[in-house]
PDB file of N, CA and C in Angstrom:
ATOM      1  N   UNK A   1      14.644  20.014 143.626  1.00  0.00           N
ATOM      2  CA  UNK A   1      14.384  20.153 145.041  1.00  0.00           C
ATOM      3  C   UNK A   1      15.027  18.970 145.778  1.00  0.00           C
ATOM      4  N   UNK A   2      15.726  19.268 146.844  1.00  0.00           N
ATOM      5  CA  UNK A   2      16.445  18.246 147.609  1.00  0.00           C
ATOM      6  C   UNK A   2      15.673  17.924 148.890  1.00  0.00           C
ATOM      7  N   UNK A   3      15.228  16.691 149.009  1.00  0.00           N
ATOM      8  CA  UNK A   3      14.478  16.264 150.191  1.00  0.00           C
ATOM      9  C   UNK A   3      15.332  15.452 151.163  1.00  0.00           C
ATOM     10  N   UNK A   4      16.641  15.515 151.004  1.00  0.00           N
ATOM     11  CA  UNK A   4      17.538  14.823 151.922  1.00  0.00           C
ATOM     12  C   UNK A   4      17.456  15.499 153.291  1.00  0.00           C
ATOM     13  N   UNK A   5      17.203  14.723 154.342  1.00  0.00           N
ATOM     14  CA  UNK A   5      17.109  15.327 155.680  1.00  0.00           C
ATOM     15  C   UNK A   5      18.424  15.990 156.091  1.00  0.00           C
ATOM     16  N   UNK A   6      18.297  17.138 156.752  1.00  0.00           N
ATOM     17  CA  UNK A   6      19.478  17.805 157.299  1.00  0.00           C
ATOM     18  C   UNK A   6      19.992  16.988 158.488  1.00  0.00           C
ATOM     19  N   UNK A   7      21.166  17.339 158.970  1.00  0.00           N
ATOM     20  CA  UNK A   7      21.707  16.643 160.145  1.00  0.00           C
ATOM     21  C   UNK A   7      20.776  16.809 161.342  1.00  0.00           C
ATOM     22  N   UNK A   8      20.222  18.004 161.500  1.00  0.00           N
ATOM     23  CA  UNK A   8      19.312  18.275 162.617  1.00  0.00           C
ATOM     24  C   UNK A   8      18.031  17.436 162.498  1.00  0.00           C
ATOM     25  N   UNK A   9      17.506  17.330 161.284  1.00  0.00           N
ATOM     26  CA  UNK A   9      16.309  16.519 161.064  1.00  0.00           C
ATOM     27  C   UNK A   9      16.597  15.044 161.315  1.00  0.00           C
ATOM     28  N   UNK A  10      17.727  14.571 160.831  1.00  0.00           N
ATOM     29  CA  UNK A  10      18.097  13.169 161.038  1.00  0.00           C
ATOM     30  C   UNK A  10      18.299  12.873 162.520  1.00  0.00           C
ATOM     31  N   UNK A  11      18.880  13.823 163.246  1.00  0.00           N
ATOM     32  CA  UNK A  11      19.085  13.630 164.686  1.00  0.00           C
ATOM     33  C   UNK A  11      17.750  13.573 165.417  1.00  0.00           C
ATOM     34  N   UNK A  12      16.813  14.450 165.049  1.00  0.00           N
ATOM     35  CA  UNK A  12      15.487  14.440 165.673  1.00  0.00           C
ATOM     36  C   UNK A  12      14.765  13.137 165.371  1.00  0.00           C
ATOM     37  N   UNK A  13      14.900  12.661 164.149  1.00  0.00           N
ATOM     38  CA  UNK A  13      14.277  11.388 163.773  1.00  0.00           C
ATOM     39  C   UNK A  13      14.865  10.244 164.594  1.00  0.00           C
ATOM     40  N   UNK A  14      16.177  10.227 164.744  1.00  0.00           N
ATOM     41  CA  UNK A  14      16.823   9.190 165.543  1.00  0.00           C
ATOM     42  C   UNK A  14      16.388   9.233 166.995  1.00  0.00           C
ATOM     43  N   UNK A  15      16.249  10.438 167.530  1.00  0.00           N
ATOM     44  CA  UNK A  15      15.786  10.601 168.908  1.00  0.00           C
ATOM     45  C   UNK A  15      14.365  10.069 169.059  1.00  0.00           C
ATOM     46  N   UNK A  16      13.496  10.425 168.115  1.00  0.00           N
ATOM     47  CA  UNK A  16      12.116   9.933 168.159  1.00  0.00           C
ATOM     48  C   UNK A  16      12.085   8.411 168.056  1.00  0.00           C
ATOM     49  N   UNK A  17      12.894   7.852 167.181  1.00  0.00           N
ATOM     50  CA  UNK A  17      12.942   6.396 167.023  1.00  0.00           C
ATOM     51  C   UNK A  17      13.370   5.724 168.322  1.00  0.00           C
ATOM     52  N   UNK A  18      14.359   6.313 168.997  1.00  0.00           N
ATOM     53  CA  UNK A  18      14.825   5.733 170.260  1.00  0.00           C
ATOM     54  C   UNK A  18      13.736   5.799 171.320  1.00  0.00           C
ATOM     55  N   UNK A  19      13.107   6.965 171.456  1.00  0.00           N
ATOM     56  CA  UNK A  19      12.073   7.126 172.480  1.00  0.00           C
ATOM     57  C   UNK A  19      10.908   6.183 172.219  1.00  0.00           C
ATOM     58  N   UNK A  20      10.415   6.169 170.986  1.00  0.00           N
ATOM     59  CA  UNK A  20       9.290   5.283 170.686  1.00  0.00           C
ATOM     60  C   UNK A  20       9.691   3.817 170.789  1.00  0.00           C
ATOM     61  N   UNK A  21      10.918   3.496 170.394  1.00  0.00           N
ATOM     62  CA  UNK A  21      11.390   2.120 170.507  1.00  0.00           C
ATOM     63  C   UNK A  21      11.478   1.654 171.948  1.00  0.00           C
ATOM     64  N   UNK A  22      11.907   2.566 172.826  1.00  0.00           N
ATOM     65  CA  UNK A  22      12.055   2.227 174.243  1.00  0.00           C
ATOM     66  C   UNK A  22      10.728   2.239 174.994  1.00  0.00           C
ATOM     67  N   UNK A  23       9.853   3.178 174.663  1.00  0.00           N
ATOM     68  CA  UNK A  23       8.672   3.419 175.494  1.00  0.00           C
ATOM     69  C   UNK A  23       7.337   3.073 174.844  1.00  0.00           C
ATOM     70  N   UNK A  24       7.331   2.691 173.591  1.00  0.00           N
ATOM     71  CA  UNK A  24       6.069   2.364 172.930  1.00  0.00           C
ATOM     72  C   UNK A  24       5.969   0.869 172.646  1.00  0.00           C
ATOM     73  N   UNK A  25       6.268   0.089 173.635  1.00  0.00           N
ATOM     74  CA  UNK A  25       6.155  -1.353 173.467  1.00  0.00           C
ATOM     75  C   UNK A  25       4.683  -1.757 173.448  1.00  0.00           C
ATOM     76  N   UNK A  26       4.420  -2.904 172.932  1.00  0.00           N
ATOM     77  CA  UNK A  26       3.046  -3.415 172.883  1.00  0.00           C
ATOM     78  C   UNK A  26       2.432  -3.451 174.282  1.00  0.00           C
ATOM     79  N   UNK A  27       3.205  -3.893 175.247  1.00  0.00           N
ATOM     80  CA  UNK A  27       2.703  -4.001 176.619  1.00  0.00           C
ATOM     81  C   UNK A  27       2.297  -2.635 177.173  1.00  0.00           C
ATOM     82  N   UNK A  28       3.118  -1.615 176.911  1.00  0.00           N
ATOM     83  CA  UNK A  28       2.792  -0.261 177.401  1.00  0.00           C
ATOM     84  C   UNK A  28       1.553   0.284 176.711  1.00  0.00           C
ATOM     85  N   UNK A  29       1.426   0.029 175.419  1.00  0.00           N
ATOM     86  CA  UNK A  29       0.247   0.508 174.693  1.00  0.00           C
ATOM     87  C   UNK A  29      -1.020  -0.151 175.215  1.00  0.00           C
ATOM     88  N   UNK A  30      -0.954  -1.436 175.495  1.00  0.00           N
ATOM     89  CA  UNK A  30      -2.109  -2.145 176.053  1.00  0.00           C
ATOM     90  C   UNK A  30      -2.434  -1.593 177.435  1.00  0.00           C
ATOM     91  N   UNK A  31      -1.417  -1.369 178.250  1.00  0.00           N
ATOM     92  CA  UNK A  31      -1.633  -0.853 179.603  1.00  0.00           C
ATOM     93  C   UNK A  31      -2.226   0.554 179.580  1.00  0.00           C
ATOM     94  N   UNK A  32      -1.834   1.360 178.597  1.00  0.00           N
ATOM     95  CA  UNK A  32      -2.353   2.727 178.500  1.00  0.00           C
ATOM     96  C   UNK A  32      -3.807   2.737 178.047  1.00  0.00           C
ATOM     97  N   UNK A  33      -4.246   1.645 177.409  1.00  0.00           N
ATOM     98  CA  UNK A  33      -5.622   1.592 176.912  1.00  0.00           C
ATOM     99  C   UNK A  33      -5.832   2.648 175.842  1.00  0.00           C
ATOM    100  N   UNK A  34      -6.907   3.397 175.977  1.00  0.00           N
ATOM    101  CA  UNK A  34      -7.181   4.445 174.998  1.00  0.00           C
ATOM    102  C   UNK A  34      -6.691   5.802 175.477  1.00  0.00           C
ATOM    103  N   UNK A  35      -6.091   5.829 176.646  1.00  0.00           N
ATOM    104  CA  UNK A  35      -5.603   7.092 177.205  1.00  0.00           C
ATOM    105  C   UNK A  35      -4.202   7.418 176.742  1.00  0.00           C
ATOM    106  N   UNK A  36      -3.656   8.437 177.331  1.00  0.00           N
ATOM    107  CA  UNK A  36      -2.309   8.883 177.016  1.00  0.00           C
ATOM    108  C   UNK A  36      -1.313   8.209 177.950  1.00  0.00           C
ATOM    109  N   UNK A  37      -0.199   7.775 177.405  1.00  0.00           N
ATOM    110  CA  UNK A  37       0.884   7.224 178.210  1.00  0.00           C
ATOM    111  C   UNK A  37       1.682   8.411 178.751  1.00  0.00           C
ATOM    112  N   UNK A  38       1.476   8.731 180.014  1.00  0.00           N
ATOM    113  CA  UNK A  38       2.097   9.917 180.617  1.00  0.00           C
ATOM    114  C   UNK A  38       3.619   9.855 180.563  1.00  0.00           C
ATOM    115  N   UNK A  39       4.193   8.679 180.753  1.00  0.00           N
ATOM    116  CA  UNK A  39       5.650   8.539 180.709  1.00  0.00           C
ATOM    117  C   UNK A  39       6.207   8.818 179.320  1.00  0.00           C
ATOM    118  N   UNK A  40       5.527   8.307 178.302  1.00  0.00           N
ATOM    119  CA  UNK A  40       5.947   8.549 176.922  1.00  0.00           C
ATOM    120  C   UNK A  40       5.815  10.031 176.587  1.00  0.00           C
ATOM    121  N   UNK A  41       4.682  10.633 176.937  1.00  0.00           N
ATOM    122  CA  UNK A  41       4.468  12.047 176.657  1.00  0.00           C
ATOM    123  C   UNK A  41       5.526  12.908 177.363  1.00  0.00           C
ATOM    124  N   UNK A  42       5.842  12.571 178.620  1.00  0.00           N
ATOM    125  CA  UNK A  42       6.854  13.327 179.367  1.00  0.00           C
ATOM    126  C   UNK A  42       8.203  13.245 178.665  1.00  0.00           C
ATOM    127  N   UNK A  43       8.572  12.062 178.222  1.00  0.00           N
ATOM    128  CA  UNK A  43       9.861  11.879 177.542  1.00  0.00           C
ATOM    129  C   UNK A  43       9.897  12.655 176.225  1.00  0.00           C
ATOM    130  N   UNK A  44       8.798  12.628 175.474  1.00  0.00           N
ATOM    131  CA  UNK A  44       8.733  13.380 174.221  1.00  0.00           C
ATOM    132  C   UNK A  44       8.872  14.883 174.474  1.00  0.00           C
ATOM    133  N   UNK A  45       8.195  15.367 175.519  1.00  0.00           N
ATOM    134  CA  UNK A  45       8.269  16.795 175.861  1.00  0.00           C
ATOM    135  C   UNK A  45       9.657  17.178 176.356  1.00  0.00           C
ATOM    136  N   UNK A  46      10.255  16.320 177.171  1.00  0.00           N
ATOM    137  CA  UNK A  46      11.610  16.577 177.662  1.00  0.00           C
ATOM    138  C   UNK A  46      12.590  16.686 176.494  1.00  0.00           C
ATOM    139  N   UNK A  47      12.377  15.870 175.472  1.00  0.00           N
ATOM    140  CA  UNK A  47      13.238  15.899 174.289  1.00  0.00           C
ATOM    141  C   UNK A  47      12.921  17.082 173.372  1.00  0.00           C
ATOM    142  N   UNK A  48      11.811  17.773 173.633  1.00  0.00           N
ATOM    143  CA  UNK A  48      11.442  18.927 172.819  1.00  0.00           C
ATOM    144  C   UNK A  48      10.801  18.586 171.493  1.00  0.00           C
ATOM    145  N   UNK A  49      10.354  17.351 171.334  1.00  0.00           N
ATOM    146  CA  UNK A  49       9.815  16.936 170.044  1.00  0.00           C
ATOM    147  C   UNK A  49       8.462  17.552 169.685  1.00  0.00           C
ATOM    148  N   UNK A  50       7.546  17.790 170.628  1.00  0.00           N
ATOM    149  CA  UNK A  50       6.263  18.387 170.218  1.00  0.00           C
ATOM    150  C   UNK A  50       6.405  19.756 169.539  1.00  0.00           C
ATOM    151  N   UNK A  51       7.397  20.528 169.881  1.00  0.00           N
ATOM    152  CA  UNK A  51       7.602  21.832 169.261  1.00  0.00           C
ATOM    153  C   UNK A  51       8.727  21.854 168.242  1.00  0.00           C
ATOM    154  N   UNK A  52       9.180  20.690 167.837  1.00  0.00           N
ATOM    155  CA  UNK A  52      10.360  20.595 166.977  1.00  0.00           C
ATOM    156  C   UNK A  52      10.152  21.176 165.587  1.00  0.00           C
ATOM    157  N   UNK A  53       8.913  21.249 165.139  1.00  0.00           N
ATOM    158  CA  UNK A  53       8.670  21.741 163.779  1.00  0.00           C
ATOM    159  C   UNK A  53       9.239  23.145 163.587  1.00  0.00           C
ATOM    160  N   UNK A  54       9.317  23.926 164.646  1.00  0.00           N
ATOM    161  CA  UNK A  54       9.893  25.268 164.545  1.00  0.00           C
ATOM    162  C   UNK A  54      11.369  25.209 164.158  1.00  0.00           C
ATOM    163  N   UNK A  55      12.052  24.172 164.586  1.00  0.00           N
ATOM    164  CA  UNK A  55      13.487  24.048 164.317  1.00  0.00           C
ATOM    165  C   UNK A  55      13.801  23.192 163.099  1.00  0.00           C
ATOM    166  N   UNK A  56      13.000  22.168 162.851  1.00  0.00           N
ATOM    167  CA  UNK A  56      13.352  21.211 161.798  1.00  0.00           C
ATOM    168  C   UNK A  56      12.451  21.288 160.576  1.00  0.00           C
ATOM    169  N   UNK A  57      11.444  22.151 160.603  1.00  0.00           N
ATOM    170  CA  UNK A  57      10.592  22.354 159.443  1.00  0.00           C
ATOM    171  C   UNK A  57       9.592  21.231 159.221  1.00  0.00           C
ATOM    172  N   UNK A  58       8.802  21.408 158.182  1.00  0.00           N
ATOM    173  CA  UNK A  58       7.750  20.430 157.901  1.00  0.00           C
ATOM    174  C   UNK A  58       8.304  19.080 157.465  1.00  0.00           C
ATOM    175  N   UNK A  59       9.380  19.071 156.693  1.00  0.00           N
ATOM    176  CA  UNK A  59       9.987  17.792 156.311  1.00  0.00           C
ATOM    177  C   UNK A  59      10.453  17.048 157.553  1.00  0.00           C
ATOM    178  N   UNK A  60      11.024  17.765 158.492  1.00  0.00           N
ATOM    179  CA  UNK A  60      11.435  17.144 159.749  1.00  0.00           C
ATOM    180  C   UNK A  60      10.257  16.589 160.514  1.00  0.00           C
ATOM    181  N   UNK A  61       9.135  17.320 160.497  1.00  0.00           N
ATOM    182  CA  UNK A  61       7.924  16.835 161.159  1.00  0.00           C
ATOM    183  C   UNK A  61       7.439  15.544 160.513  1.00  0.00           C
ATOM    184  N   UNK A  62       7.492  15.475 159.204  1.00  0.00           N
ATOM    185  CA  UNK A  62       7.103  14.248 158.498  1.00  0.00           C
ATOM    186  C   UNK A  62       7.988  13.088 158.936  1.00  0.00           C
ATOM    187  N   UNK A  63       9.277  13.341 159.087  1.00  0.00           N
ATOM    188  CA  UNK A  63      10.196  12.288 159.533  1.00  0.00           C
ATOM    189  C   UNK A  63       9.844  11.813 160.934  1.00  0.00           C
ATOM    190  N   UNK A  64       9.451  12.752 161.815  1.00  0.00           N
ATOM    191  CA  UNK A  64       9.059  12.372 163.173  1.00  0.00           C
ATOM    192  C   UNK A  64       7.767  11.572 163.158  1.00  0.00           C
ATOM    193  N   UNK A  65       6.812  12.010 162.350  1.00  0.00           N
ATOM    194  CA  UNK A  65       5.531  11.306 162.280  1.00  0.00           C
ATOM    195  C   UNK A  65       5.692   9.902 161.719  1.00  0.00           C
ATOM    196  N   UNK A  66       6.670   9.732 160.842  1.00  0.00           N
ATOM    197  CA  UNK A  66       6.940   8.412 160.283  1.00  0.00           C
ATOM    198  C   UNK A  66       7.361   7.427 161.369  1.00  0.00           C
ATOM    199  N   UNK A  67       8.065   7.921 162.387  1.00  0.00           N
ATOM    200  CA  UNK A  67       8.498   7.059 163.484  1.00  0.00           C
ATOM    201  C   UNK A  67       7.303   6.655 164.306  1.00  0.00           C
TER     202      UNK A  67
END
């Protein structure tokens, strides 16, 4: 069994890494408190990541969750 990420999975992982790297700073997390960071959620939705499992499969979802 080959668990090497496909190009699509790797691209989704890179996108998630960029979004979380840019928008999930310590300061933003503290400011959000225990609530949802609306800006981060909007960016994730705009990128289509919440529904990405349909396109990239469960292995792809694991890669996103790792980020």
